[in-house]
Structure formats: C-alpha cells, structure tokens
Amino acid sequence: MSQPSHRPGRLGVGVISAGRVGAVLGAAERLDAGIASLRNDTAAHLHVAASITVAEHLVPQWLVALRAQQSALGTVATESERTAANSDVVMRMVGDGDADVGFIESPDVAHGLRSRVVARDRLVVVVAPGHAWARRTRPVTATDLAETALVTRESGSGTRQALDRALLAQLPTGTTIATPVMELASAAAVRAAIATGVAPGAMSDLAIADDVALGRLVAVPVEGVELTRALRAVWRGGAEPPAGPARALVALAGHPIR
C-alpha cells in the first residue's frame, strides 16, 4: 500500500497520495521532454533563403562549415532547407517567417528586418569575346553603361539594384538608365546571354571568374564607378540573429572560410 506524503496546509497538515505525486512528476517530465523536443527540432532544421549569387557560390560552403562545427562540438547536425530567389523575395520570406535567415545582395534592407554585412563581392562588366568592348583600349564609364542596353537580372534583383545605384551616384540628377535589352531571372541565364553576344552585362565576380579564366567572357575595365558591394544577412527580431543554427551560420558567413 502506498504511503501518504504530508504537506502543510492552511488548516493543518494535508496528505497527497504517492500515486498523485507520481502523476504530477510524470506530467512535469512529459512537459520537459516536449520542450526539449521543440528545442531539438529548431536546432535540427534551418530554412535559409538567399539571393541567387550568394545561394550558388557562398551558402553551400557556409552550410558545410556549420555542419563541421556542429560535428566538432558534438551537437545535433542541422538539416538545412535552401531557397534561391532575388533579394526582394528573400526579404519578404524572412519578414513573413517563411525563412529563418536570409542573405541578400541588395543595397537596401526592408523595414522591420535586422541586417549585418557578412561578405563583399564586386560587379564586373563582361562581354562576349567578339564584342567591340572586348577590344576597347579605354575603360568604360558610368555614362557608357547608362546609355547601353544591357543584359540584366529582373526587377527586384540585388545585382540590378546595386548596379543602378552605383551608376546613378556618378551621373547628373535626372539621368535615366537605358532599358535593358533582356531581363532574365537567373545568373546562369544572364551569363549565357552575354556569352552569345546579345549585349554587355554586369555580374558578380563570384559568378563569372571561371568564364573569364577560360576565355568564354571578357572583363571590361570600368572607371569612375564603385562596383564593390556588401552582402548582408537579414533576420527578424532582436539585434542578434535567432539563437541556434541561424546565429551560428551568420557568424560563419562573416568570417573567411579557410
């Protein structure tokens, strides 16, 4: 037979049966287990949204570094889900809670999001080997680029926003930029169009390094335009990224990977 447990009561000493004590403790243990399960689920899954260039050339190595770090620490390995989109879509996903953290190429950050610069790249003007600019002896200028119908990414792309911002900063107020000859939704499509001689274009040095090295594209010198840009992590909430794998990933992105 179970022995009663005594507890002080307002009217004296009351009793609680051992069975009831066990039930209360069992409920507490189940609650702790549920909380731990939620924590583990959060730690074990990470949805990353990134603009196209970052998604293709940087996020994979950052995620590999995160997995290596977790393995070294003996912590739960994070299963990652990745979405590649333009910068505007990435910021919308993060703002709506559809992604835990985002990485963008846009110079502007949407209202309500926090951000941190984690890397930098440089836009490079490139042409097909047979294009006249490939034989040009003088650098192109902001005016040359503004007056030329380029192959570009679609509206909302961080690459396009950064290029337009850089050109307009060097041109007289009221200057308009020529309508693109072609707007495409991926870096691969832009690169292919430029390589076939459709028109010049500006792409991240991360995206065209191999093509330039192999002679498929020619880099054209540019003067008077600052084409280095910041790549940013974005998230909702406090001054720091969400605790757990999202914060660890942002920290790894902000340090060169050896």
C-alpha atoms as a PDB file:
ATOM      1  CA  MET A   1       0.000   0.000   0.000  1.00  0.00           C
ATOM      2  CA  SER A   2       1.317   3.454  -0.885  1.00  0.00           C
ATOM      3  CA  GLN A   3       2.312   5.733   1.939  1.00  0.00           C
ATOM      4  CA  PRO A   4       0.835   9.238   2.069  1.00  0.00           C
ATOM      5  CA  SER A   5       3.025  12.298   1.709  1.00  0.00           C
ATOM      6  CA  HIS A   6       2.402  15.083   4.206  1.00  0.00           C
ATOM      7  CA  ARG A   7       2.251  18.737   3.300  1.00  0.00           C
ATOM      8  CA  PRO A   8       1.444  21.786   5.410  1.00  0.00           C
ATOM      9  CA  GLY A   9      -1.979  23.213   4.710  1.00  0.00           C
ATOM     10  CA  ARG A  10      -3.724  26.392   5.704  1.00  0.00           C
ATOM     11  CA  LEU A  11      -5.910  24.407   8.118  1.00  0.00           C
ATOM     12  CA  GLY A  12      -3.265  21.961   9.226  1.00  0.00           C
ATOM     13  CA  VAL A  13      -1.468  19.046   7.706  1.00  0.00           C
ATOM     14  CA  GLY A  14      -2.893  17.603   4.498  1.00  0.00           C
ATOM     15  CA  VAL A  15      -1.903  14.470   2.648  1.00  0.00           C
ATOM     16  CA  ILE A  16      -1.180  13.654  -1.009  1.00  0.00           C
ATOM     17  CA  SER A  17      -1.115  10.067  -2.102  1.00  0.00           C
ATOM     18  CA  ALA A  18       2.060   8.679  -3.652  1.00  0.00           C
ATOM     19  CA  GLY A  19       0.049   7.918  -6.775  1.00  0.00           C
ATOM     20  CA  ARG A  20      -0.885  11.576  -7.169  1.00  0.00           C
ATOM     21  CA  VAL A  21       2.721  12.648  -6.587  1.00  0.00           C
ATOM     22  CA  GLY A  22       3.796  10.248  -9.318  1.00  0.00           C
ATOM     23  CA  ALA A  23       1.203  11.639 -11.694  1.00  0.00           C
ATOM     24  CA  VAL A  24       2.365  15.219 -11.107  1.00  0.00           C
ATOM     25  CA  LEU A  25       6.017  14.280 -11.580  1.00  0.00           C
ATOM     26  CA  GLY A  26       5.164  12.335 -14.709  1.00  0.00           C
ATOM     27  CA  ALA A  27       3.358  15.339 -16.173  1.00  0.00           C
ATOM     28  CA  ALA A  28       6.351  17.558 -15.395  1.00  0.00           C
ATOM     29  CA  GLU A  29       8.689  15.099 -17.063  1.00  0.00           C
ATOM     30  CA  ARG A  30       6.482  14.976 -20.171  1.00  0.00           C
ATOM     31  CA  LEU A  31       6.444  18.785 -20.302  1.00  0.00           C
ATOM     32  CA  ASP A  32      10.243  18.912 -20.053  1.00  0.00           C
ATOM     33  CA  ALA A  33      10.513  16.304 -22.785  1.00  0.00           C
ATOM     34  CA  GLY A  34       8.166  18.283 -25.011  1.00  0.00           C
ATOM     35  CA  ILE A  35      10.161  21.478 -24.549  1.00  0.00           C
ATOM     36  CA  ALA A  36      13.399  19.634 -25.242  1.00  0.00           C
ATOM     37  CA  SER A  37      11.851  18.128 -28.373  1.00  0.00           C
ATOM     38  CA  LEU A  38      10.859  21.565 -29.643  1.00  0.00           C
ATOM     39  CA  ARG A  39      14.362  22.851 -28.991  1.00  0.00           C
ATOM     40  CA  ASN A  40      15.899  19.909 -30.794  1.00  0.00           C
ATOM     41  CA  ASP A  41      13.549  20.351 -33.758  1.00  0.00           C
ATOM     42  CA  THR A  42      14.561  24.006 -34.001  1.00  0.00           C
ATOM     43  CA  ALA A  43      18.237  23.131 -33.768  1.00  0.00           C
ATOM     44  CA  ALA A  44      17.888  20.323 -36.296  1.00  0.00           C
ATOM     45  CA  HIS A  45      16.206  22.355 -39.045  1.00  0.00           C
ATOM     46  CA  LEU A  46      17.182  25.628 -40.702  1.00  0.00           C
ATOM     47  CA  HIS A  47      15.499  27.310 -43.665  1.00  0.00           C
ATOM     48  CA  VAL A  48      17.898  29.626 -45.462  1.00  0.00           C
ATOM     49  CA  ALA A  49      16.737  31.968 -48.223  1.00  0.00           C
ATOM     50  CA  ALA A  50      19.443  33.606 -50.303  1.00  0.00           C
ATOM     51  CA  SER A  51      19.744  35.736 -53.405  1.00  0.00           C
ATOM     52  CA  ILE A  52      20.957  33.864 -56.461  1.00  0.00           C
ATOM     53  CA  THR A  53      24.686  34.658 -56.422  1.00  0.00           C
ATOM     54  CA  VAL A  54      25.002  34.057 -52.684  1.00  0.00           C
ATOM     55  CA  ALA A  55      22.909  30.884 -52.876  1.00  0.00           C
ATOM     56  CA  GLU A  56      25.050  29.428 -55.646  1.00  0.00           C
ATOM     57  CA  HIS A  57      28.532  30.462 -54.581  1.00  0.00           C
ATOM     58  CA  LEU A  58      28.614  31.079 -50.815  1.00  0.00           C
ATOM     59  CA  VAL A  59      25.759  29.409 -48.919  1.00  0.00           C
ATOM     60  CA  PRO A  60      26.893  25.837 -49.712  1.00  0.00           C
ATOM     61  CA  GLN A  61      30.323  26.354 -48.159  1.00  0.00           C
ATOM     62  CA  TRP A  62      28.800  28.159 -45.172  1.00  0.00           C
ATOM     63  CA  LEU A  63      26.476  25.219 -44.526  1.00  0.00           C
ATOM     64  CA  VAL A  64      29.343  22.742 -44.837  1.00  0.00           C
ATOM     65  CA  ALA A  65      31.281  24.801 -42.289  1.00  0.00           C
ATOM     66  CA  LEU A  66      28.238  24.810 -39.967  1.00  0.00           C
ATOM     67  CA  ARG A  67      27.967  21.035 -40.166  1.00  0.00           C
ATOM     68  CA  ALA A  68      31.697  20.660 -39.435  1.00  0.00           C
ATOM     69  CA  GLN A  69      31.419  22.993 -36.460  1.00  0.00           C
ATOM     70  CA  GLN A  70      28.485  21.043 -35.040  1.00  0.00           C
ATOM     71  CA  SER A  71      30.310  17.760 -35.522  1.00  0.00           C
ATOM     72  CA  ALA A  72      33.351  19.114 -33.671  1.00  0.00           C
ATOM     73  CA  LEU A  73      31.144  20.290 -30.796  1.00  0.00           C
ATOM     74  CA  GLY A  74      29.147  17.076 -30.676  1.00  0.00           C
ATOM     75  CA  THR A  75      25.841  18.890 -31.199  1.00  0.00           C
ATOM     76  CA  VAL A  76      22.825  17.937 -33.299  1.00  0.00           C
ATOM     77  CA  ALA A  77      23.518  18.239 -37.023  1.00  0.00           C
ATOM     78  CA  THR A  78      21.238  20.770 -38.687  1.00  0.00           C
ATOM     79  CA  GLU A  79      19.163  19.720 -41.668  1.00  0.00           C
ATOM     80  CA  SER A  80      19.005  22.709 -43.982  1.00  0.00           C
ATOM     81  CA  GLU A  81      16.385  23.795 -46.474  1.00  0.00           C
ATOM     82  CA  ARG A  82      17.518  26.332 -49.072  1.00  0.00           C
ATOM     83  CA  THR A  83      15.589  28.710 -51.286  1.00  0.00           C
ATOM     84  CA  ALA A  84      17.279  30.762 -54.014  1.00  0.00           C
ATOM     85  CA  ALA A  85      15.418  33.895 -55.098  1.00  0.00           C
ATOM     86  CA  ASN A  86      16.056  37.556 -55.763  1.00  0.00           C
ATOM     87  CA  SER A  87      16.772  39.867 -52.832  1.00  0.00           C
ATOM     88  CA  ASP A  88      13.235  41.283 -52.626  1.00  0.00           C
ATOM     89  CA  VAL A  89      11.720  37.798 -52.388  1.00  0.00           C
ATOM     90  CA  VAL A  90      14.298  36.745 -49.788  1.00  0.00           C
ATOM     91  CA  MET A  91      13.448  39.712 -47.571  1.00  0.00           C
ATOM     92  CA  ARG A  92       9.741  39.029 -47.948  1.00  0.00           C
ATOM     93  CA  MET A  93      10.236  35.382 -46.935  1.00  0.00           C
ATOM     94  CA  VAL A  94      12.208  36.350 -43.845  1.00  0.00           C
ATOM     95  CA  GLY A  95       9.723  39.074 -42.915  1.00  0.00           C
ATOM     96  CA  ASP A  96       6.806  36.633 -43.260  1.00  0.00           C
ATOM     97  CA  GLY A  97       8.563  33.988 -41.161  1.00  0.00           C
ATOM     98  CA  ASP A  98       8.948  31.583 -44.093  1.00  0.00           C
ATOM     99  CA  ALA A  99      12.749  31.521 -43.701  1.00  0.00           C
ATOM    100  CA  ASP A 100      14.852  31.617 -40.529  1.00  0.00           C
ATOM    101  CA  VAL A 101      17.578  33.771 -42.038  1.00  0.00           C
ATOM    102  CA  GLY A 102      18.274  35.344 -45.414  1.00  0.00           C
ATOM    103  CA  PHE A 103      21.248  36.580 -47.394  1.00  0.00           C
ATOM    104  CA  ILE A 104      20.824  39.415 -49.887  1.00  0.00           C
ATOM    105  CA  GLU A 105      22.803  41.427 -52.428  1.00  0.00           C
ATOM    106  CA  SER A 106      20.508  44.453 -52.369  1.00  0.00           C
ATOM    107  CA  PRO A 107      21.852  47.768 -51.022  1.00  0.00           C
ATOM    108  CA  ASP A 108      18.520  48.333 -49.231  1.00  0.00           C
ATOM    109  CA  VAL A 109      17.049  46.340 -46.348  1.00  0.00           C
ATOM    110  CA  ALA A 110      13.285  46.040 -45.914  1.00  0.00           C
ATOM    111  CA  HIS A 111      11.647  47.783 -42.967  1.00  0.00           C
ATOM    112  CA  GLY A 112      11.361  45.572 -39.905  1.00  0.00           C
ATOM    113  CA  LEU A 113      14.389  43.413 -40.666  1.00  0.00           C
ATOM    114  CA  ARG A 114      17.767  43.448 -38.971  1.00  0.00           C
ATOM    115  CA  SER A 115      20.893  43.071 -41.052  1.00  0.00           C
ATOM    116  CA  ARG A 116      24.631  42.557 -40.904  1.00  0.00           C
ATOM    117  CA  VAL A 117      27.294  42.733 -43.619  1.00  0.00           C
ATOM    118  CA  VAL A 118      28.888  39.290 -43.861  1.00  0.00           C
ATOM    119  CA  ALA A 119      30.853  39.474 -47.123  1.00  0.00           C
ATOM    120  CA  ARG A 120      31.622  41.637 -50.132  1.00  0.00           C
ATOM    121  CA  ASP A 121      31.863  40.995 -53.833  1.00  0.00           C
ATOM    122  CA  ARG A 122      32.425  43.143 -56.917  1.00  0.00           C
ATOM    123  CA  LEU A 123      30.328  43.623 -60.006  1.00  0.00           C
ATOM    124  CA  VAL A 124      32.304  43.094 -63.202  1.00  0.00           C
ATOM    125  CA  VAL A 125      31.238  44.290 -66.644  1.00  0.00           C
ATOM    126  CA  VAL A 126      31.651  41.397 -69.060  1.00  0.00           C
ATOM    127  CA  VAL A 127      31.128  40.842 -72.793  1.00  0.00           C
ATOM    128  CA  ALA A 128      31.478  38.050 -75.315  1.00  0.00           C
ATOM    129  CA  PRO A 129      34.976  37.766 -76.846  1.00  0.00           C
ATOM    130  CA  GLY A 130      33.647  39.052 -80.176  1.00  0.00           C
ATOM    131  CA  HIS A 131      32.014  42.170 -78.716  1.00  0.00           C
ATOM    132  CA  ALA A 132      33.538  45.578 -79.564  1.00  0.00           C
ATOM    133  CA  TRP A 133      34.123  46.329 -75.884  1.00  0.00           C
ATOM    134  CA  ALA A 134      36.432  43.307 -75.668  1.00  0.00           C
ATOM    135  CA  ARG A 135      38.896  45.241 -77.877  1.00  0.00           C
ATOM    136  CA  ARG A 136      38.311  48.594 -76.255  1.00  0.00           C
ATOM    137  CA  THR A 137      41.519  50.366 -75.185  1.00  0.00           C
ATOM    138  CA  ARG A 138      39.899  52.735 -72.695  1.00  0.00           C
ATOM    139  CA  PRO A 139      37.744  51.843 -69.670  1.00  0.00           C
ATOM    140  CA  VAL A 140      34.006  52.267 -69.957  1.00  0.00           C
ATOM    141  CA  THR A 141      32.355  54.969 -67.840  1.00  0.00           C
ATOM    142  CA  ALA A 142      29.110  55.387 -65.955  1.00  0.00           C
ATOM    143  CA  THR A 143      27.716  57.258 -68.966  1.00  0.00           C
ATOM    144  CA  ASP A 144      28.701  54.437 -71.330  1.00  0.00           C
ATOM    145  CA  LEU A 145      26.930  51.900 -69.130  1.00  0.00           C
ATOM    146  CA  ALA A 146      23.850  54.055 -68.546  1.00  0.00           C
ATOM    147  CA  GLU A 147      23.404  54.624 -72.289  1.00  0.00           C
ATOM    148  CA  THR A 148      23.863  50.962 -73.232  1.00  0.00           C
ATOM    149  CA  ALA A 149      21.011  48.458 -73.235  1.00  0.00           C
ATOM    150  CA  LEU A 150      22.464  45.693 -71.051  1.00  0.00           C
ATOM    151  CA  VAL A 151      21.519  42.133 -70.264  1.00  0.00           C
ATOM    152  CA  THR A 152      20.289  42.320 -66.668  1.00  0.00           C
ATOM    153  CA  ARG A 153      18.522  40.409 -63.955  1.00  0.00           C
ATOM    154  CA  GLU A 154      14.840  41.041 -63.317  1.00  0.00           C
ATOM    155  CA  SER A 155      13.450  43.885 -61.214  1.00  0.00           C
ATOM    156  CA  GLY A 156      13.953  43.062 -57.536  1.00  0.00           C
ATOM    157  CA  SER A 157      17.386  41.546 -58.089  1.00  0.00           C
ATOM    158  CA  GLY A 158      20.102  42.815 -55.773  1.00  0.00           C
ATOM    159  CA  THR A 159      22.627  42.793 -58.620  1.00  0.00           C
ATOM    160  CA  ARG A 160      20.460  45.051 -60.726  1.00  0.00           C
ATOM    161  CA  GLN A 161      19.673  47.370 -57.812  1.00  0.00           C
ATOM    162  CA  ALA A 162      23.355  47.663 -56.902  1.00  0.00           C
ATOM    163  CA  LEU A 163      24.395  48.440 -60.480  1.00  0.00           C
ATOM    164  CA  ASP A 164      21.671  51.071 -60.962  1.00  0.00           C
ATOM    165  CA  ARG A 165      22.553  52.684 -57.630  1.00  0.00           C
ATOM    166  CA  ALA A 166      26.276  52.780 -58.498  1.00  0.00           C
ATOM    167  CA  LEU A 167      25.647  54.341 -61.922  1.00  0.00           C
ATOM    168  CA  LEU A 168      23.151  56.953 -60.720  1.00  0.00           C
ATOM    169  CA  ALA A 169      25.585  58.029 -57.989  1.00  0.00           C
ATOM    170  CA  GLN A 170      28.006  59.155 -60.718  1.00  0.00           C
ATOM    171  CA  LEU A 171      25.540  60.726 -63.152  1.00  0.00           C
ATOM    172  CA  PRO A 172      23.722  64.085 -63.148  1.00  0.00           C
ATOM    173  CA  THR A 173      20.396  64.193 -61.322  1.00  0.00           C
ATOM    174  CA  GLY A 174      17.561  63.171 -63.590  1.00  0.00           C
ATOM    175  CA  THR A 175      19.662  60.879 -65.755  1.00  0.00           C
ATOM    176  CA  THR A 176      17.808  57.766 -66.835  1.00  0.00           C
ATOM    177  CA  ILE A 177      19.329  54.363 -67.446  1.00  0.00           C
ATOM    178  CA  ALA A 178      18.689  52.636 -70.753  1.00  0.00           C
ATOM    179  CA  THR A 179      16.017  49.945 -70.757  1.00  0.00           C
ATOM    180  CA  PRO A 180      17.668  46.513 -70.622  1.00  0.00           C
ATOM    181  CA  VAL A 181      17.814  44.613 -73.877  1.00  0.00           C
ATOM    182  CA  MET A 182      16.911  41.489 -71.922  1.00  0.00           C
ATOM    183  CA  GLU A 183      15.798  40.790 -68.322  1.00  0.00           C
ATOM    184  CA  LEU A 184      16.437  37.299 -67.009  1.00  0.00           C
ATOM    185  CA  ALA A 185      15.621  35.535 -63.767  1.00  0.00           C
ATOM    186  CA  SER A 186      18.920  33.762 -63.056  1.00  0.00           C
ATOM    187  CA  ALA A 187      22.620  34.443 -63.125  1.00  0.00           C
ATOM    188  CA  ALA A 188      23.148  31.443 -65.393  1.00  0.00           C
ATOM    189  CA  ALA A 189      20.728  32.845 -67.971  1.00  0.00           C
ATOM    190  CA  VAL A 190      22.350  36.289 -67.852  1.00  0.00           C
ATOM    191  CA  ARG A 191      25.811  34.740 -68.268  1.00  0.00           C
ATOM    192  CA  ALA A 192      24.678  32.647 -71.244  1.00  0.00           C
ATOM    193  CA  ALA A 193      23.046  35.632 -72.977  1.00  0.00           C
ATOM    194  CA  ILE A 194      26.168  37.752 -72.552  1.00  0.00           C
ATOM    195  CA  ALA A 195      28.393  34.925 -73.823  1.00  0.00           C
ATOM    196  CA  THR A 196      26.342  34.628 -77.017  1.00  0.00           C
ATOM    197  CA  GLY A 197      26.933  38.311 -77.767  1.00  0.00           C
ATOM    198  CA  VAL A 198      23.441  39.679 -77.015  1.00  0.00           C
ATOM    199  CA  ALA A 199      24.865  42.660 -75.096  1.00  0.00           C
ATOM    200  CA  PRO A 200      27.222  43.527 -72.234  1.00  0.00           C
ATOM    201  CA  GLY A 201      26.175  42.901 -68.652  1.00  0.00           C
ATOM    202  CA  ALA A 202      27.418  43.287 -65.083  1.00  0.00           C
ATOM    203  CA  MET A 203      27.722  40.238 -62.841  1.00  0.00           C
ATOM    204  CA  SER A 204      29.328  39.302 -59.552  1.00  0.00           C
ATOM    205  CA  ASP A 205      32.972  38.332 -59.765  1.00  0.00           C
ATOM    206  CA  LEU A 206      31.905  35.148 -57.948  1.00  0.00           C
ATOM    207  CA  ALA A 207      29.669  34.203 -60.870  1.00  0.00           C
ATOM    208  CA  ILE A 208      31.996  34.889 -63.804  1.00  0.00           C
ATOM    209  CA  ALA A 209      35.512  34.080 -62.545  1.00  0.00           C
ATOM    210  CA  ASP A 210      35.683  30.687 -64.295  1.00  0.00           C
ATOM    211  CA  ASP A 211      34.204  32.038 -67.546  1.00  0.00           C
ATOM    212  CA  VAL A 212      36.755  34.850 -67.688  1.00  0.00           C
ATOM    213  CA  ALA A 213      39.621  32.485 -66.868  1.00  0.00           C
ATOM    214  CA  LEU A 214      38.535  30.112 -69.668  1.00  0.00           C
ATOM    215  CA  GLY A 215      38.004  32.887 -72.200  1.00  0.00           C
ATOM    216  CA  ARG A 216      34.238  32.480 -72.543  1.00  0.00           C
ATOM    217  CA  LEU A 217      33.754  36.063 -71.282  1.00  0.00           C
ATOM    218  CA  VAL A 218      35.984  39.144 -71.292  1.00  0.00           C
ATOM    219  CA  ALA A 219      36.096  41.506 -68.297  1.00  0.00           C
ATOM    220  CA  VAL A 220      35.896  45.159 -69.364  1.00  0.00           C
ATOM    221  CA  PRO A 221      37.701  47.801 -67.234  1.00  0.00           C
ATOM    222  CA  VAL A 222      35.403  50.416 -65.702  1.00  0.00           C
ATOM    223  CA  GLU A 223      36.432  53.802 -64.348  1.00  0.00           C
ATOM    224  CA  GLY A 224      34.677  56.197 -62.026  1.00  0.00           C
ATOM    225  CA  VAL A 225      32.101  53.710 -60.723  1.00  0.00           C
ATOM    226  CA  GLU A 226      32.267  51.942 -57.360  1.00  0.00           C
ATOM    227  CA  LEU A 227      31.171  48.398 -58.102  1.00  0.00           C
ATOM    228  CA  THR A 228      32.137  46.730 -54.823  1.00  0.00           C
ATOM    229  CA  ARG A 229      29.041  45.856 -52.815  1.00  0.00           C
ATOM    230  CA  ALA A 230      28.080  44.477 -49.418  1.00  0.00           C
ATOM    231  CA  LEU A 231      26.378  41.110 -48.988  1.00  0.00           C
ATOM    232  CA  ARG A 232      24.109  41.049 -45.955  1.00  0.00           C
ATOM    233  CA  ALA A 233      22.426  38.581 -43.650  1.00  0.00           C
ATOM    234  CA  VAL A 234      18.870  39.556 -42.714  1.00  0.00           C
ATOM    235  CA  TRP A 235      16.575  38.299 -39.973  1.00  0.00           C
ATOM    236  CA  ARG A 236      13.543  39.240 -37.875  1.00  0.00           C
ATOM    237  CA  GLY A 237      13.616  40.126 -34.209  1.00  0.00           C
ATOM    238  CA  GLY A 238      16.397  41.377 -31.991  1.00  0.00           C
ATOM    239  CA  ALA A 239      19.802  42.849 -32.631  1.00  0.00           C
ATOM    240  CA  GLU A 240      21.308  39.359 -32.980  1.00  0.00           C
ATOM    241  CA  PRO A 241      20.150  36.602 -35.351  1.00  0.00           C
ATOM    242  CA  PRO A 242      17.880  33.934 -33.812  1.00  0.00           C
ATOM    243  CA  ALA A 243      19.744  31.743 -31.337  1.00  0.00           C
ATOM    244  CA  GLY A 244      20.877  28.367 -32.626  1.00  0.00           C
ATOM    245  CA  PRO A 245      21.974  27.374 -36.123  1.00  0.00           C
ATOM    246  CA  ALA A 246      20.811  30.644 -37.728  1.00  0.00           C
ATOM    247  CA  ARG A 247      23.091  32.677 -35.472  1.00  0.00           C
ATOM    248  CA  ALA A 248      25.958  30.230 -35.948  1.00  0.00           C
ATOM    249  CA  LEU A 249      25.551  30.385 -39.738  1.00  0.00           C
ATOM    250  CA  VAL A 250      25.632  34.188 -39.786  1.00  0.00           C
ATOM    251  CA  ALA A 251      28.775  34.149 -37.630  1.00  0.00           C
ATOM    252  CA  LEU A 252      30.465  31.690 -40.006  1.00  0.00           C
ATOM    253  CA  ALA A 253      29.424  33.731 -43.031  1.00  0.00           C
ATOM    254  CA  GLY A 254      31.096  36.775 -41.531  1.00  0.00           C
ATOM    255  CA  HIS A 255      34.490  35.078 -41.335  1.00  0.00           C
ATOM    256  CA  PRO A 256      36.599  33.866 -44.263  1.00  0.00           C
ATOM    257  CA  ILE A 257      36.452  30.096 -44.639  1.00  0.00           C
ATOM    258  CA  ARG A 258      39.902  28.592 -44.925  1.00  0.00           C
END
